[in-house]
Amino acid sequence: MTNPNTSIYIHIPFCRHRCAYCDFNTYAGQEDSIPAYVNALINEINFVGQHVEQMNIHTVFFGGGTPSLLSAPQFDSILRALRSTFTLTADAEVSIEANPGTISPEKLNGIRKAGINRISFGVQSANTEELRMLERIHDFFTVIEAVSTARKAGFDNLNLDLIYGLPEQTLASWQTTLHRIVDLHPEHISAYALTLEHGTPFGRWSSKGLLPLPDPDLAAEMYEYAEEFLESNGYVHYEISNWAKATAESGTQNAESNSSFIIHHSSFVCRHNLQYWHSLPYLAFGAGAHGYANGYRYSNVLRIKTYIERLVTDNRPLTTEFPLSPATVNQHKQTSKDDMSEYMLNNLRLTNAGVAESDFRLRFGSGLLEVYPKEIEELVKNGLLEIKTSEVLKTSEVYRLTKRGRLLGNQVFLRFV
């Protein structure tokens, strides 16, 4: 079993402090388990790898949690396991999420030497009061220092993560954050609207009236300002929440399926996330990690201790179907309907590429308008989707969100669930 476009996601669930808005699978105060966890990751990588003869990996993403809590030698050992089990392409994008307050020159030099070539810093805001409300452990001066240190360590591909639509956040405050972020010249910027998730402190506080609800109209205004401001500063808005610095164009939209709708993109787009948005396969390792490969959507056990116990060599089953491992607790064999629905939800997030009729037909054997005629017609009529003629074949078309559709994306996506 081979696939030239496979990616790998590795979940690192450790944090020094769990922020009040976070609903990810993360745990504070369990750093003593990191060495055993790294060994379990390597065991899981080796277990899954034994079920494939060869697999080319073109992106690896360490997410969390706070992956930067791991040491450089620990990253090196994980990457060595990946290289000995799979084939990492020569130009593989290897990303790590990092908290600006958990890095040092020594650590960044070490992880760069180990093969990590892209960092995503969780900045969230440039405003001190907003960072305090979000319970972040850094201030903006720490961000400036982290970016400078990363540059000195040889990183030339940085993403800065932001959150907008915060309680009591003003448009002026958001504009200041964007200006300060652009002054740092990152290659990539992500901006996400705050969601008050059930089960988080923010969710509980808001339900009791202790935290003011974000103003959706103001959040929309913030989003529109980000679109205009970032574009004016040389960033290409290629996905609903993501911008990449414009470069000499390289790559095409979904080239593996011979798309007739050609989309050139910046070399600084997040190639790993494009794997998700194009509904292409990715393996998942670690506690709570989710994967999609060989027709399966699957996820691993959440708790760190249980994950480690399941990957102890003596307790592992001898065989299981690829890509599942002893840590897998949920698995679903995808139907064609599942795949088509997820394809629409993922690909419509791409603001320029959208959903190409030729790609959809090549992947599923049916035309887009044959499967979703009513949905497409109504969304176009309501101004949420637009149609663009292919740049190559005048008989092929692409469907993508309008600017209004980006603001009302959930209303569009629900039509394909």
Protein backbone atom coordinates (compact mmCIF):
# COMPACT_ATOMS: atom_id res chain seq x y z
CA MET A 1 0.00 0.00 0.00
CA THR A 2 1.58 3.28 -1.09
CA ASN A 3 0.43 6.87 -1.36
CA PRO A 4 2.68 9.68 -2.61
CA ASN A 5 0.76 12.34 -0.72
CA THR A 6 0.51 11.09 2.85
CA SER A 7 0.98 13.32 5.91
CA ILE A 8 1.56 12.60 9.59
CA TYR A 9 0.05 14.34 12.61
CA ILE A 10 1.65 13.79 16.04
CA HIS A 11 -0.20 14.99 19.14
CA ILE A 12 1.78 16.26 22.12
CA PRO A 13 -0.82 16.72 24.91
CA PHE A 14 1.35 18.41 27.55
CA CYS A 15 0.91 22.02 28.72
CA ARG A 16 2.30 24.06 31.58
CA HIS A 17 -1.13 25.62 31.99
CA ARG A 18 -4.44 24.76 30.35
CA CYS A 19 -6.00 27.97 29.04
CA ALA A 20 -9.62 28.71 29.97
CA TYR A 21 -10.85 28.74 26.34
CA CYS A 22 -9.08 25.54 25.23
CA ASP A 23 -11.02 22.35 24.48
CA PHE A 24 -8.14 20.38 22.95
CA ASN A 25 -6.88 17.14 24.47
CA THR A 26 -4.26 18.71 26.73
CA TYR A 27 -3.08 18.16 30.31
CA ALA A 28 -1.14 20.39 32.69
CA GLY A 29 1.22 19.12 35.37
CA GLN A 30 2.06 15.78 33.71
CA GLU A 31 5.44 16.70 32.24
CA ASP A 32 7.07 13.86 34.19
CA SER A 33 5.39 11.48 31.72
CA ILE A 34 7.07 13.03 28.66
CA PRO A 35 9.95 10.48 28.38
CA ALA A 36 7.55 7.52 28.59
CA TYR A 37 5.20 9.24 26.17
CA VAL A 38 7.97 9.73 23.60
CA ASN A 39 8.81 6.04 23.84
CA ALA A 40 5.13 5.17 23.34
CA LEU A 41 5.00 7.41 20.25
CA ILE A 42 7.98 5.61 18.76
CA ASN A 43 6.34 2.25 19.51
CA GLU A 44 3.14 3.37 17.78
CA ILE A 45 5.07 4.66 14.75
CA ASN A 46 6.91 1.35 14.45
CA PHE A 47 3.69 -0.66 14.90
CA VAL A 48 1.77 1.18 12.18
CA GLY A 49 4.79 1.26 9.88
CA GLN A 50 5.15 -2.51 9.85
CA HIS A 51 1.88 -2.73 7.91
CA VAL A 52 3.15 -0.79 4.88
CA GLU A 53 5.98 -1.62 2.54
CA GLN A 54 6.65 1.99 1.54
CA MET A 55 4.91 5.28 2.20
CA ASN A 56 6.14 8.69 1.18
CA ILE A 57 5.50 11.39 3.79
CA HIS A 58 5.59 15.00 2.61
CA THR A 59 4.40 16.79 5.78
CA VAL A 60 4.74 16.16 9.51
CA PHE A 61 2.94 18.28 12.09
CA PHE A 62 3.57 18.26 15.85
CA GLY A 63 0.43 19.72 17.45
CA GLY A 64 -0.82 20.05 20.99
CA GLY A 65 -0.87 20.96 23.71
CA THR A 66 2.53 22.56 23.73
CA PRO A 67 4.94 20.44 21.66
CA SER A 68 7.78 22.85 22.45
CA LEU A 69 7.86 21.36 25.98
CA LEU A 70 9.73 18.40 24.46
CA SER A 71 13.50 18.61 24.25
CA ALA A 72 15.44 18.73 21.00
CA PRO A 73 16.82 15.17 21.55
CA GLN A 74 13.26 13.92 22.05
CA PHE A 75 12.16 15.45 18.75
CA ASP A 76 15.24 13.98 17.12
CA SER A 77 14.37 10.48 18.36
CA ILE A 78 10.78 10.76 17.07
CA LEU A 79 11.92 12.02 13.66
CA ARG A 80 14.51 9.25 13.46
CA ALA A 81 11.74 6.72 14.05
CA LEU A 82 9.67 8.31 11.27
CA ARG A 83 12.59 8.25 8.84
CA SER A 84 13.41 4.62 9.60
CA THR A 85 9.76 3.57 9.17
CA PHE A 86 8.53 5.80 6.33
CA THR A 87 10.13 7.76 3.50
CA LEU A 88 10.22 11.47 4.24
CA THR A 89 10.48 13.44 1.01
CA ALA A 90 13.52 15.65 0.55
CA ASP A 91 11.39 18.80 0.78
CA ALA A 92 9.10 17.59 3.58
CA GLU A 93 7.42 20.33 5.61
CA VAL A 94 7.99 19.52 9.29
CA SER A 95 6.03 21.85 11.59
CA ILE A 96 5.85 22.35 15.32
CA GLU A 97 3.38 24.35 17.38
CA ALA A 98 5.12 26.36 20.08
CA ASN A 99 4.26 28.69 22.92
CA PRO A 100 6.52 31.76 22.72
CA GLY A 101 7.29 31.34 26.42
CA THR A 102 8.66 27.79 26.11
CA ILE A 103 11.55 28.19 23.68
CA SER A 104 15.22 29.11 23.97
CA PRO A 105 18.09 29.60 21.48
CA GLU A 106 19.46 26.18 22.43
CA LYS A 107 16.12 24.43 21.91
CA LEU A 108 15.42 26.14 18.58
CA ASN A 109 18.91 25.39 17.28
CA GLY A 110 18.45 21.76 18.35
CA ILE A 111 15.04 21.21 16.77
CA ARG A 112 16.17 22.93 13.56
CA LYS A 113 19.12 20.55 13.40
CA ALA A 114 16.75 17.61 14.01
CA GLY A 115 14.83 18.53 10.85
CA ILE A 116 11.94 20.77 11.96
CA ASN A 117 11.68 23.62 9.44
CA ARG A 118 8.42 25.42 10.27
CA ILE A 119 7.15 26.89 13.55
CA SER A 120 3.64 28.03 14.46
CA PHE A 121 3.72 30.34 17.47
CA GLY A 122 0.51 30.66 19.50
CA VAL A 123 0.49 34.45 19.85
CA GLN A 124 -3.31 35.05 20.06
CA SER A 125 -3.05 38.79 20.80
CA ALA A 126 -0.62 41.69 21.14
CA ASN A 127 -2.70 43.21 23.93
CA THR A 128 -1.58 42.56 27.52
CA GLU A 129 -5.09 42.53 28.99
CA GLU A 130 -6.38 40.17 26.31
CA LEU A 131 -3.48 37.77 26.87
CA ARG A 132 -4.19 37.85 30.61
CA MET A 133 -7.88 37.09 29.99
CA LEU A 134 -6.90 34.17 27.74
CA GLU A 135 -4.55 32.95 30.52
CA ARG A 136 -1.57 32.90 28.21
CA ILE A 137 1.83 32.62 29.91
CA HIS A 138 3.60 35.09 27.58
CA ASP A 139 3.44 38.78 26.74
CA PHE A 140 4.07 40.40 23.36
CA PHE A 141 7.68 41.20 24.18
CA THR A 142 8.19 37.44 24.55
CA VAL A 143 6.68 37.00 21.07
CA ILE A 144 9.12 39.51 19.57
CA GLU A 145 12.01 37.72 21.23
CA ALA A 146 10.75 34.30 20.11
CA VAL A 147 10.49 35.40 16.47
CA SER A 148 13.97 36.93 16.59
CA THR A 149 15.42 33.80 18.18
CA ALA A 150 13.75 31.57 15.58
CA ARG A 151 15.20 33.66 12.76
CA LYS A 152 18.69 33.36 14.23
CA ALA A 153 18.22 29.58 14.46
CA GLY A 154 17.56 29.45 10.70
CA PHE A 155 13.76 29.28 10.56
CA ASP A 156 12.47 31.05 7.45
CA ASN A 157 8.89 29.79 7.63
CA LEU A 158 6.96 31.09 10.64
CA ASN A 159 3.23 31.17 11.36
CA LEU A 160 1.70 33.39 14.02
CA ASP A 161 -1.70 32.27 15.40
CA LEU A 162 -4.27 34.91 16.42
CA ILE A 163 -7.73 34.90 18.03
CA TYR A 164 -10.34 37.60 17.49
CA GLY A 165 -13.90 38.17 18.68
CA LEU A 166 -12.83 38.12 22.33
CA PRO A 167 -15.16 39.34 25.09
CA GLU A 168 -14.87 43.15 25.35
CA GLN A 169 -12.27 43.24 22.55
CA THR A 170 -12.51 46.41 20.44
CA LEU A 171 -11.92 46.82 16.74
CA ALA A 172 -9.06 49.22 17.56
CA SER A 173 -7.38 46.59 19.75
CA TRP A 174 -7.67 43.99 16.98
CA GLN A 175 -6.26 46.43 14.45
CA THR A 176 -3.28 47.11 16.73
CA THR A 177 -2.62 43.37 17.06
CA LEU A 178 -2.66 42.92 13.27
CA HIS A 179 -0.30 45.87 12.75
CA ARG A 180 2.15 44.53 15.33
CA ILE A 181 2.00 41.05 13.84
CA VAL A 182 2.68 42.28 10.30
CA ASP A 183 5.64 44.30 11.63
CA LEU A 184 7.22 40.95 12.59
CA HIS A 185 7.04 39.80 8.92
CA PRO A 186 5.83 36.22 9.45
CA GLU A 187 5.47 34.10 6.34
CA HIS A 188 2.03 32.90 7.46
CA ILE A 189 -0.79 34.22 9.66
CA SER A 190 -3.78 32.32 11.06
CA ALA A 191 -6.73 34.14 12.62
CA TYR A 192 -9.61 32.29 14.28
CA ALA A 193 -12.78 33.61 15.89
CA LEU A 194 -13.13 32.65 19.53
CA THR A 195 -15.68 29.93 20.16
CA LEU A 196 -17.00 29.35 23.67
CA GLU A 197 -16.78 25.56 23.85
CA HIS A 198 -18.93 23.50 26.18
CA GLY A 199 -16.94 22.10 29.09
CA THR A 200 -14.29 24.83 29.12
CA PRO A 201 -14.09 27.50 31.85
CA PHE A 202 -14.98 30.13 29.23
CA GLY A 203 -18.07 28.12 28.30
CA ARG A 204 -19.16 27.73 31.92
CA TRP A 205 -18.52 31.37 32.79
CA SER A 206 -20.48 32.63 29.79
CA SER A 207 -23.44 30.35 30.58
CA LYS A 208 -23.57 31.86 34.09
CA GLY A 209 -23.33 35.41 32.82
CA LEU A 210 -19.84 35.87 34.26
CA LEU A 211 -18.22 36.41 30.85
CA PRO A 212 -19.75 38.69 28.22
CA LEU A 213 -20.58 36.93 24.97
CA PRO A 214 -18.54 37.99 21.93
CA ASP A 215 -20.37 40.37 19.60
CA PRO A 216 -20.87 38.47 16.29
CA ASP A 217 -21.30 41.66 14.26
CA LEU A 218 -18.09 43.11 15.68
CA ALA A 219 -16.29 39.80 15.05
CA ALA A 220 -17.43 39.96 11.41
CA GLU A 221 -16.08 43.50 11.17
CA MET A 222 -12.76 42.32 12.60
CA TYR A 223 -12.60 39.52 10.04
CA GLU A 224 -13.30 41.88 7.15
CA TYR A 225 -10.62 44.26 8.39
CA ALA A 226 -8.13 41.39 8.55
CA GLU A 227 -8.95 40.43 4.96
CA GLU A 228 -8.35 43.93 3.67
CA PHE A 229 -5.34 44.79 5.84
CA LEU A 230 -3.43 41.56 5.28
CA GLU A 231 -4.04 41.63 1.54
CA SER A 232 -2.72 45.21 1.41
CA ASN A 233 0.42 43.99 3.15
CA GLY A 234 1.18 41.21 0.68
CA TYR A 235 -0.60 38.23 2.21
CA VAL A 236 -2.72 35.88 0.10
CA HIS A 237 -6.00 34.80 1.71
CA TYR A 238 -6.02 31.16 0.60
CA GLU A 239 -8.24 29.59 3.30
CA ILE A 240 -11.04 31.02 5.43
CA SER A 241 -8.76 31.59 8.44
CA ASN A 242 -5.30 31.54 6.86
CA TRP A 243 -3.04 33.92 4.96
CA ALA A 244 0.37 33.26 3.36
CA LYS A 245 2.92 35.84 2.30
CA ALA A 246 2.90 36.23 -1.48
CA THR A 247 5.87 34.62 -3.20
CA ALA A 248 6.86 33.48 -6.66
CA GLU A 249 3.98 31.16 -7.42
CA SER A 250 4.48 27.43 -7.00
CA GLY A 251 2.22 24.43 -6.85
CA THR A 252 -1.34 23.86 -8.05
CA GLN A 253 -4.62 22.99 -6.46
CA ASN A 254 -5.03 19.22 -6.08
CA ALA A 255 -2.49 18.44 -8.80
CA GLU A 256 -2.59 14.71 -8.04
CA SER A 257 -6.04 14.41 -9.63
CA ASN A 258 -5.12 16.33 -12.81
CA SER A 259 -7.38 19.25 -11.98
CA SER A 260 -8.30 21.38 -14.95
CA PHE A 261 -8.78 24.35 -12.62
CA ILE A 262 -5.27 25.60 -11.89
CA ILE A 263 -4.64 27.53 -8.67
CA HIS A 264 -1.15 28.83 -8.10
CA HIS A 265 -0.26 29.45 -4.48
CA SER A 266 2.45 30.90 -2.30
CA SER A 267 5.19 28.51 -1.23
CA PHE A 268 4.37 29.55 2.35
CA VAL A 269 0.90 28.00 2.47
CA CYS A 270 0.65 25.36 5.19
CA ARG A 271 1.09 22.21 3.13
CA HIS A 272 0.07 20.01 6.04
CA ASN A 273 -3.28 21.75 6.48
CA LEU A 274 -3.83 21.60 2.71
CA GLN A 275 -3.74 17.83 3.15
CA TYR A 276 -6.79 18.13 5.42
CA TRP A 277 -8.58 20.65 3.22
CA HIS A 278 -8.09 18.49 0.12
CA SER A 279 -9.42 15.44 2.04
CA LEU A 280 -6.19 13.53 1.48
CA PRO A 281 -4.84 10.81 3.84
CA TYR A 282 -2.88 11.46 7.00
CA LEU A 283 -1.67 9.17 9.77
CA ALA A 284 -2.15 10.12 13.41
CA PHE A 285 0.04 9.27 16.39
CA GLY A 286 -0.35 10.19 20.05
CA ALA A 287 -3.05 10.50 22.71
CA GLY A 288 -6.28 11.82 21.22
CA ALA A 289 -4.86 12.08 17.70
CA HIS A 290 -7.30 11.77 14.77
CA GLY A 291 -6.34 10.24 11.42
CA TYR A 292 -7.74 9.45 7.98
CA ALA A 293 -6.17 6.71 5.86
CA ASN A 294 -7.05 3.49 4.05
CA GLY A 295 -10.73 4.47 4.14
CA TYR A 296 -10.80 4.90 7.93
CA ARG A 297 -11.54 7.89 10.10
CA TYR A 298 -10.05 6.95 13.46
CA SER A 299 -8.89 8.38 16.79
CA ASN A 300 -6.71 7.34 19.70
CA VAL A 301 -7.40 7.04 23.41
CA LEU A 302 -7.37 10.43 25.16
CA ARG A 303 -5.58 9.94 28.47
CA ILE A 304 -1.78 10.05 28.55
CA LYS A 305 -1.37 7.19 31.04
CA THR A 306 -3.73 4.91 29.12
CA TYR A 307 -2.02 5.73 25.82
CA ILE A 308 1.37 4.79 27.24
CA GLU A 309 0.01 1.55 28.72
CA ARG A 310 -1.51 0.53 25.37
CA LEU A 311 1.82 0.98 23.59
CA VAL A 312 3.90 -1.12 25.99
CA THR A 313 5.52 -3.72 23.73
CA ASP A 314 4.37 -6.76 25.68
CA ASN A 315 0.73 -5.67 25.57
CA ARG A 316 0.48 -4.90 21.85
CA PRO A 317 -1.57 -7.15 19.57
CA LEU A 318 0.40 -8.90 16.86
CA THR A 319 -1.75 -7.69 13.99
CA THR A 320 -4.38 -5.08 13.23
CA GLU A 321 -5.56 -3.43 10.03
CA PHE A 322 -3.60 -0.44 8.75
CA PRO A 323 -3.55 2.36 9.93
CA LEU A 324 -5.02 1.33 13.31
CA SER A 325 -2.84 0.76 16.37
CA PRO A 326 -3.26 -0.52 19.94
CA ALA A 327 -4.07 3.08 20.91
CA THR A 328 -7.08 3.29 18.56
CA VAL A 329 -10.43 3.54 20.35
CA ASN A 330 -12.72 4.87 17.59
CA GLN A 331 -12.79 3.84 13.96
CA HIS A 332 -15.23 4.37 11.13
CA LYS A 333 -15.00 2.87 7.66
CA GLN A 334 -15.94 5.69 5.34
CA THR A 335 -18.76 5.37 2.83
CA SER A 336 -18.74 7.22 -0.48
CA LYS A 337 -21.39 9.55 0.96
CA ASP A 338 -19.16 10.27 3.97
CA ASP A 339 -16.22 11.08 1.71
CA MET A 340 -18.24 13.35 -0.56
CA SER A 341 -19.68 15.27 2.38
CA GLU A 342 -16.28 15.77 4.01
CA TYR A 343 -14.74 16.71 0.68
CA MET A 344 -17.25 19.53 0.32
CA LEU A 345 -16.80 20.75 3.90
CA ASN A 346 -13.01 20.75 3.60
CA ASN A 347 -12.47 22.04 0.09
CA LEU A 348 -14.98 24.87 0.36
CA ARG A 349 -12.75 26.36 3.06
CA LEU A 350 -10.20 27.13 0.33
CA THR A 351 -11.10 30.66 -0.71
CA ASN A 352 -9.38 30.60 -4.12
CA ALA A 353 -9.36 26.92 -5.00
CA GLY A 354 -12.83 25.96 -3.83
CA VAL A 355 -14.35 22.77 -5.27
CA ALA A 356 -13.40 22.00 -8.86
CA GLU A 357 -16.02 20.08 -10.84
CA SER A 358 -13.26 18.08 -12.58
CA ASP A 359 -11.66 17.05 -9.28
CA PHE A 360 -14.98 15.98 -7.79
CA ARG A 361 -15.82 13.83 -10.82
CA LEU A 362 -12.38 12.23 -10.92
CA ARG A 363 -12.54 11.33 -7.24
CA PHE A 364 -16.14 10.14 -6.97
CA GLY A 365 -17.17 9.19 -10.50
CA SER A 366 -20.12 11.58 -10.49
CA GLY A 367 -20.49 15.26 -11.24
CA LEU A 368 -20.92 17.81 -8.48
CA LEU A 369 -24.27 18.96 -9.86
CA GLU A 370 -25.43 15.36 -10.10
CA VAL A 371 -24.85 14.81 -6.37
CA TYR A 372 -25.74 18.24 -4.93
CA PRO A 373 -27.93 20.00 -7.55
CA LYS A 374 -30.39 21.63 -5.13
CA GLU A 375 -27.75 22.66 -2.60
CA ILE A 376 -25.49 24.28 -5.21
CA GLU A 377 -28.36 26.08 -6.93
CA GLU A 378 -29.70 27.59 -3.70
CA LEU A 379 -26.29 28.66 -2.40
CA VAL A 380 -25.41 30.36 -5.69
CA LYS A 381 -28.84 32.04 -5.78
CA ASN A 382 -28.39 33.31 -2.21
CA GLY A 383 -24.97 34.76 -2.98
CA LEU A 384 -23.01 32.37 -0.76
CA LEU A 385 -21.27 30.48 -3.57
CA GLU A 386 -19.83 31.77 -6.84
CA ILE A 387 -18.92 29.93 -10.04
CA LYS A 388 -15.64 30.50 -11.85
CA THR A 389 -14.70 29.04 -15.21
CA SER A 390 -11.59 26.87 -15.34
CA GLU A 391 -8.39 28.57 -16.45
CA VAL A 392 -7.57 25.57 -18.64
CA LEU A 393 -10.74 23.89 -19.86
CA LYS A 394 -13.58 26.30 -20.51
CA THR A 395 -16.07 23.49 -19.93
CA SER A 396 -14.96 22.92 -16.33
CA GLU A 397 -16.01 25.05 -13.39
CA VAL A 398 -15.10 25.67 -9.77
CA TYR A 399 -17.45 26.58 -6.91
CA ARG A 400 -16.16 28.68 -4.03
CA LEU A 401 -17.41 30.83 -1.18
CA THR A 402 -18.20 34.47 -1.87
CA LYS A 403 -17.00 37.07 0.65
CA ARG A 404 -20.45 36.89 2.21
CA GLY A 405 -20.22 33.11 2.18
CA ARG A 406 -17.00 33.23 4.19
CA LEU A 407 -18.79 35.13 6.95
CA LEU A 408 -21.68 32.65 6.87
CA GLY A 409 -19.58 29.57 6.22
CA ASN A 410 -21.39 27.35 8.71
CA GLN A 411 -24.68 27.95 6.89
CA VAL A 412 -23.02 26.75 3.69
CA PHE A 413 -21.34 23.71 5.26
CA LEU A 414 -24.56 22.49 6.90
CA ARG A 415 -26.04 21.95 3.45
CA PHE A 416 -23.53 19.16 2.80
CA VAL A 417 -23.66 17.34 6.15
